[in-house]
């Protein structure tokens, strides 16, 4: 018992003075948008998928389906479809065109119907993608598509997000670069082409995707992020911590 207490004390002291490797991976990982042309070895992708499979999920129902794309033709095809859909959306809702009252009304309606999709950040990205100023998968050699099982218990979107984060952190720990790519959903949501091509049918629906590859340079490093206020309840009192 005495040795156990001593080990615990030493461990706590060590944690007070330095971060764990897991913390370093989380804090230093950054989204990568520039990849080398060299393909990632197959065994590494399989281990990344295994990290996703071991993610916790409600009732351990694992409401996901992973599809690995390593064929440039498929990745480029999904990219082209996404650009085409974004061009249509730009024409329909980009009210910044001169004399576009009807577009403004259309945008206001859709913003209320899909507030998350038409938040100012994705709204602006629609135009950039349509104009070819923002890439989709950034020439990553491997893409992992994440599909959710809509029958999943509780919140399958959350479970798929946890699985994806497991894969992102596993990839980063191997020295790979990654980037979450959610915009590809328009290629699946507004056309049936890619669901048919990849054999995706009910109950699976696109959740998100990951670009994976060897990063150019060293993009890692902590960046400044807003600090959020947290309410802390303990010993009958409430305090605010940052």
Protein backbone atom coordinates (compact mmCIF):
# COMPACT_ATOMS: atom_id res chain seq x y z
CA UNK A 1 0.00 0.00 0.00
CA UNK A 2 2.87 2.35 0.87
CA UNK A 3 4.62 1.62 -2.44
CA UNK A 4 1.40 2.20 -4.33
CA UNK A 5 0.91 5.57 -2.66
CA UNK A 6 4.51 6.52 -3.42
CA UNK A 7 4.11 5.59 -7.09
CA UNK A 8 0.93 7.63 -7.31
CA UNK A 9 2.61 10.66 -5.74
CA UNK A 10 5.53 10.41 -8.15
CA UNK A 11 3.17 10.05 -11.07
CA UNK A 12 1.19 13.14 -10.08
CA UNK A 13 4.40 15.15 -9.66
CA UNK A 14 5.54 14.03 -13.10
CA UNK A 15 2.22 15.05 -14.64
CA UNK A 16 2.47 18.47 -12.99
CA UNK A 17 5.79 19.13 -14.71
CA UNK A 18 5.19 17.72 -18.20
CA UNK A 19 2.46 16.66 -20.61
CA UNK A 20 1.86 13.10 -21.69
CA UNK A 21 2.53 11.96 -25.26
CA UNK A 22 -1.21 11.71 -25.84
CA UNK A 23 -1.68 15.33 -24.77
CA UNK A 24 1.14 16.44 -27.06
CA UNK A 25 -0.50 14.69 -30.03
CA UNK A 26 -3.82 16.40 -29.27
CA UNK A 27 -2.38 19.86 -28.66
CA UNK A 28 0.13 19.97 -31.53
CA UNK A 29 -1.93 18.37 -34.28
CA UNK A 30 -3.08 20.77 -36.99
CA UNK A 31 -5.23 20.27 -40.08
CA UNK A 32 -2.95 19.66 -43.05
CA UNK A 33 -3.76 20.90 -46.55
CA UNK A 34 -0.52 20.15 -48.38
CA UNK A 35 0.57 16.55 -48.96
CA UNK A 36 3.43 14.73 -50.63
CA UNK A 37 2.55 12.58 -53.63
CA UNK A 38 3.85 9.45 -51.89
CA UNK A 39 1.13 6.97 -50.87
CA UNK A 40 0.68 5.92 -47.23
CA UNK A 41 1.56 2.23 -46.61
CA UNK A 42 -1.48 -0.02 -46.40
CA UNK A 43 -0.63 -1.36 -42.94
CA UNK A 44 -0.73 2.17 -41.50
CA UNK A 45 -4.21 2.82 -42.89
CA UNK A 46 -5.40 -0.49 -41.44
CA UNK A 47 -4.09 0.51 -38.02
CA UNK A 48 -5.81 3.89 -38.34
CA UNK A 49 -9.07 2.11 -39.13
CA UNK A 50 -8.54 -0.13 -36.12
CA UNK A 51 -8.19 2.96 -33.92
CA UNK A 52 -11.55 4.10 -35.25
CA UNK A 53 -13.12 0.71 -34.64
CA UNK A 54 -12.06 0.83 -30.99
CA UNK A 55 -13.82 4.17 -30.41
CA UNK A 56 -16.56 4.11 -27.78
CA UNK A 57 -20.15 4.25 -29.03
CA UNK A 58 -23.57 4.17 -27.43
CA UNK A 59 -24.40 0.57 -26.56
CA UNK A 60 -21.19 -0.38 -28.42
CA UNK A 61 -23.34 -0.52 -31.57
CA UNK A 62 -20.53 1.04 -33.68
CA UNK A 63 -22.91 2.93 -36.02
CA UNK A 64 -20.37 3.55 -38.76
CA UNK A 65 -19.05 2.30 -42.05
CA UNK A 66 -15.59 3.26 -43.29
CA UNK A 67 -14.71 3.41 -46.98
CA UNK A 68 -11.07 3.84 -47.98
CA UNK A 69 -10.31 5.61 -51.26
CA UNK A 70 -6.82 5.29 -52.71
CA UNK A 71 -7.83 5.57 -56.37
CA UNK A 72 -7.12 9.14 -57.61
CA UNK A 73 -9.99 8.82 -60.09
CA UNK A 74 -12.51 8.30 -57.25
CA UNK A 75 -11.14 11.10 -55.08
CA UNK A 76 -11.05 13.51 -58.02
CA UNK A 77 -14.53 12.43 -59.10
CA UNK A 78 -16.07 13.20 -55.71
CA UNK A 79 -14.21 16.50 -55.75
CA UNK A 80 -15.62 17.42 -59.18
CA UNK A 81 -19.16 16.56 -58.09
CA UNK A 82 -18.76 18.66 -54.95
CA UNK A 83 -17.51 21.63 -57.00
CA UNK A 84 -20.47 21.30 -59.38
CA UNK A 85 -23.00 21.28 -56.53
CA UNK A 86 -21.27 24.26 -54.90
CA UNK A 87 -21.54 26.18 -58.17
CA UNK A 88 -25.28 25.55 -58.20
CA UNK A 89 -25.59 26.67 -54.58
CA UNK A 90 -23.53 29.76 -55.31
CA UNK A 91 -25.92 30.71 -58.11
CA UNK A 92 -28.97 30.05 -55.91
CA UNK A 93 -28.01 31.66 -52.60
CA UNK A 94 -25.01 33.97 -53.01
CA UNK A 95 -26.83 37.28 -52.50
CA UNK A 96 -23.64 39.28 -52.97
CA UNK A 97 -24.42 39.47 -56.68
CA UNK A 98 -25.69 42.91 -57.71
CA UNK A 99 -29.48 43.12 -57.76
CA UNK A 100 -29.98 39.69 -56.21
CA UNK A 101 -32.99 40.28 -53.98
CA UNK A 102 -34.40 36.86 -54.83
CA UNK A 103 -31.08 35.24 -53.86
CA UNK A 104 -31.13 37.08 -50.53
CA UNK A 105 -34.65 35.84 -49.84
CA UNK A 106 -33.61 32.33 -50.86
CA UNK A 107 -30.53 32.51 -48.64
CA UNK A 108 -32.55 33.78 -45.66
CA UNK A 109 -34.98 30.90 -46.05
CA UNK A 110 -32.26 28.27 -46.33
CA UNK A 111 -30.29 29.73 -43.43
CA UNK A 112 -33.34 29.10 -41.26
CA UNK A 113 -33.86 25.62 -42.65
CA UNK A 114 -30.16 24.64 -42.45
CA UNK A 115 -28.47 26.97 -39.95
CA UNK A 116 -25.44 24.72 -39.49
CA UNK A 117 -24.81 24.23 -43.20
CA UNK A 118 -25.18 27.94 -43.97
CA UNK A 119 -23.24 29.37 -41.05
CA UNK A 120 -21.03 32.22 -42.39
CA UNK A 121 -17.97 29.94 -42.55
CA UNK A 122 -19.42 27.17 -44.76
CA UNK A 123 -21.43 29.81 -46.65
CA UNK A 124 -18.18 31.49 -47.64
CA UNK A 125 -16.53 28.16 -48.41
CA UNK A 126 -19.26 27.34 -50.96
CA UNK A 127 -18.12 30.25 -53.12
CA UNK A 128 -14.43 29.45 -52.68
CA UNK A 129 -14.93 25.80 -53.67
CA UNK A 130 -17.14 26.78 -56.61
CA UNK A 131 -14.49 29.22 -57.85
CA UNK A 132 -11.66 26.71 -57.47
CA UNK A 133 -9.97 28.75 -54.73
CA UNK A 134 -10.39 26.13 -52.01
CA UNK A 135 -9.50 22.49 -52.52
CA UNK A 136 -11.50 19.61 -51.13
CA UNK A 137 -9.04 16.82 -50.36
CA UNK A 138 -5.92 18.87 -51.15
CA UNK A 139 -4.37 16.07 -53.25
CA UNK A 140 -4.20 13.70 -50.27
CA UNK A 141 -3.34 10.17 -51.51
CA UNK A 142 -5.77 8.45 -49.13
CA UNK A 143 -9.28 9.45 -48.11
CA UNK A 144 -11.42 7.71 -45.50
CA UNK A 145 -15.16 8.28 -45.89
CA UNK A 146 -17.21 7.90 -42.71
CA UNK A 147 -20.85 6.87 -43.07
CA UNK A 148 -23.25 6.76 -40.14
CA UNK A 149 -25.88 4.12 -39.53
CA UNK A 150 -29.02 6.22 -39.09
CA UNK A 151 -30.49 3.48 -36.91
CA UNK A 152 -27.70 3.97 -34.38
CA UNK A 153 -28.50 4.32 -30.70
CA UNK A 154 -28.79 7.84 -29.28
CA UNK A 155 -26.47 10.01 -31.39
CA UNK A 156 -24.68 8.23 -34.27
CA UNK A 157 -23.21 11.53 -35.50
CA UNK A 158 -21.38 11.91 -32.21
CA UNK A 159 -20.18 8.31 -32.28
CA UNK A 160 -18.84 8.75 -35.82
CA UNK A 161 -17.08 11.93 -34.70
CA UNK A 162 -15.39 10.08 -31.85
CA UNK A 163 -14.29 7.31 -34.24
CA UNK A 164 -12.96 9.88 -36.68
CA UNK A 165 -11.02 11.68 -33.97
CA UNK A 166 -9.47 8.39 -32.90
CA UNK A 167 -8.30 7.87 -36.48
CA UNK A 168 -6.99 11.43 -36.81
CA UNK A 169 -4.95 11.17 -33.62
CA UNK A 170 -3.65 7.71 -34.54
CA UNK A 171 -2.57 9.04 -37.95
CA UNK A 172 -0.88 12.04 -36.37
CA UNK A 173 1.01 9.82 -33.93
CA UNK A 174 2.45 8.01 -36.99
CA UNK A 175 3.75 11.22 -38.49
CA UNK A 176 0.93 11.63 -41.01
CA UNK A 177 -1.08 14.74 -41.81
CA UNK A 178 -4.87 14.77 -41.74
CA UNK A 179 -7.76 17.09 -42.46
CA UNK A 180 -11.45 16.71 -41.69
CA UNK A 181 -13.50 17.25 -44.88
CA UNK A 182 -17.24 17.58 -44.37
CA UNK A 183 -18.09 19.43 -47.59
CA UNK A 184 -17.99 16.19 -49.57
CA UNK A 185 -21.43 15.44 -48.15
CA UNK A 186 -23.04 17.47 -50.93
CA UNK A 187 -21.76 14.90 -53.43
CA UNK A 188 -23.75 12.24 -51.54
CA UNK A 189 -26.67 14.32 -50.30
CA UNK A 190 -27.69 15.97 -53.57
CA UNK A 191 -26.71 13.32 -56.11
CA UNK A 192 -27.04 9.54 -56.13
CA UNK A 193 -23.96 8.98 -58.27
CA UNK A 194 -21.40 8.26 -55.59
CA UNK A 195 -23.66 6.29 -53.30
CA UNK A 196 -24.36 3.98 -56.23
CA UNK A 197 -20.72 3.86 -57.31
CA UNK A 198 -19.51 2.95 -53.82
CA UNK A 199 -22.41 0.66 -52.97
CA UNK A 200 -23.75 2.85 -50.16
CA UNK A 201 -27.43 2.38 -49.34
CA UNK A 202 -29.80 2.56 -46.37
CA UNK A 203 -29.15 2.68 -43.44
CA UNK A 204 -25.88 4.48 -44.16
CA UNK A 205 -25.60 8.22 -44.68
CA UNK A 206 -22.50 10.36 -45.20
CA UNK A 207 -21.17 11.76 -41.91
CA UNK A 208 -17.72 13.15 -42.76
CA UNK A 209 -14.39 12.21 -44.29
CA UNK A 210 -10.67 12.40 -43.62
CA UNK A 211 -7.83 13.36 -45.94
CA UNK A 212 -4.68 11.46 -44.97
CA UNK A 213 -1.12 11.63 -46.28
CA UNK A 214 2.48 12.57 -45.65
CA UNK A 215 2.58 16.30 -44.84
CA UNK A 216 4.82 18.72 -46.69
CA UNK A 217 7.10 20.36 -44.16
CA UNK A 218 6.25 20.32 -40.47
CA UNK A 219 2.80 21.83 -39.94
CA UNK A 220 2.53 20.70 -36.31
CA UNK A 221 2.49 23.12 -33.45
CA UNK A 222 0.18 24.64 -30.89
CA UNK A 223 -1.86 27.62 -32.08
CA UNK A 224 -3.69 30.20 -30.02
CA UNK A 225 -7.28 29.24 -29.30
CA UNK A 226 -10.01 31.03 -27.34
CA UNK A 227 -10.22 30.06 -23.69
CA UNK A 228 -13.73 29.18 -22.62
CA UNK A 229 -15.07 29.84 -19.16
CA UNK A 230 -15.97 26.70 -17.21
CA UNK A 231 -18.21 26.48 -14.16
CA UNK A 232 -16.60 24.28 -11.49
CA UNK A 233 -18.68 22.82 -8.63
CA UNK A 234 -16.83 21.30 -5.67
CA UNK A 235 -17.15 21.20 -1.89
CA UNK A 236 -20.47 23.00 -1.97
CA UNK A 237 -19.14 26.00 -3.93
CA UNK A 238 -19.17 27.18 -7.51
CA UNK A 239 -16.23 28.92 -9.13
CA UNK A 240 -15.22 29.92 -12.62
CA UNK A 241 -12.05 28.50 -14.16
CA UNK A 242 -10.35 29.14 -17.50
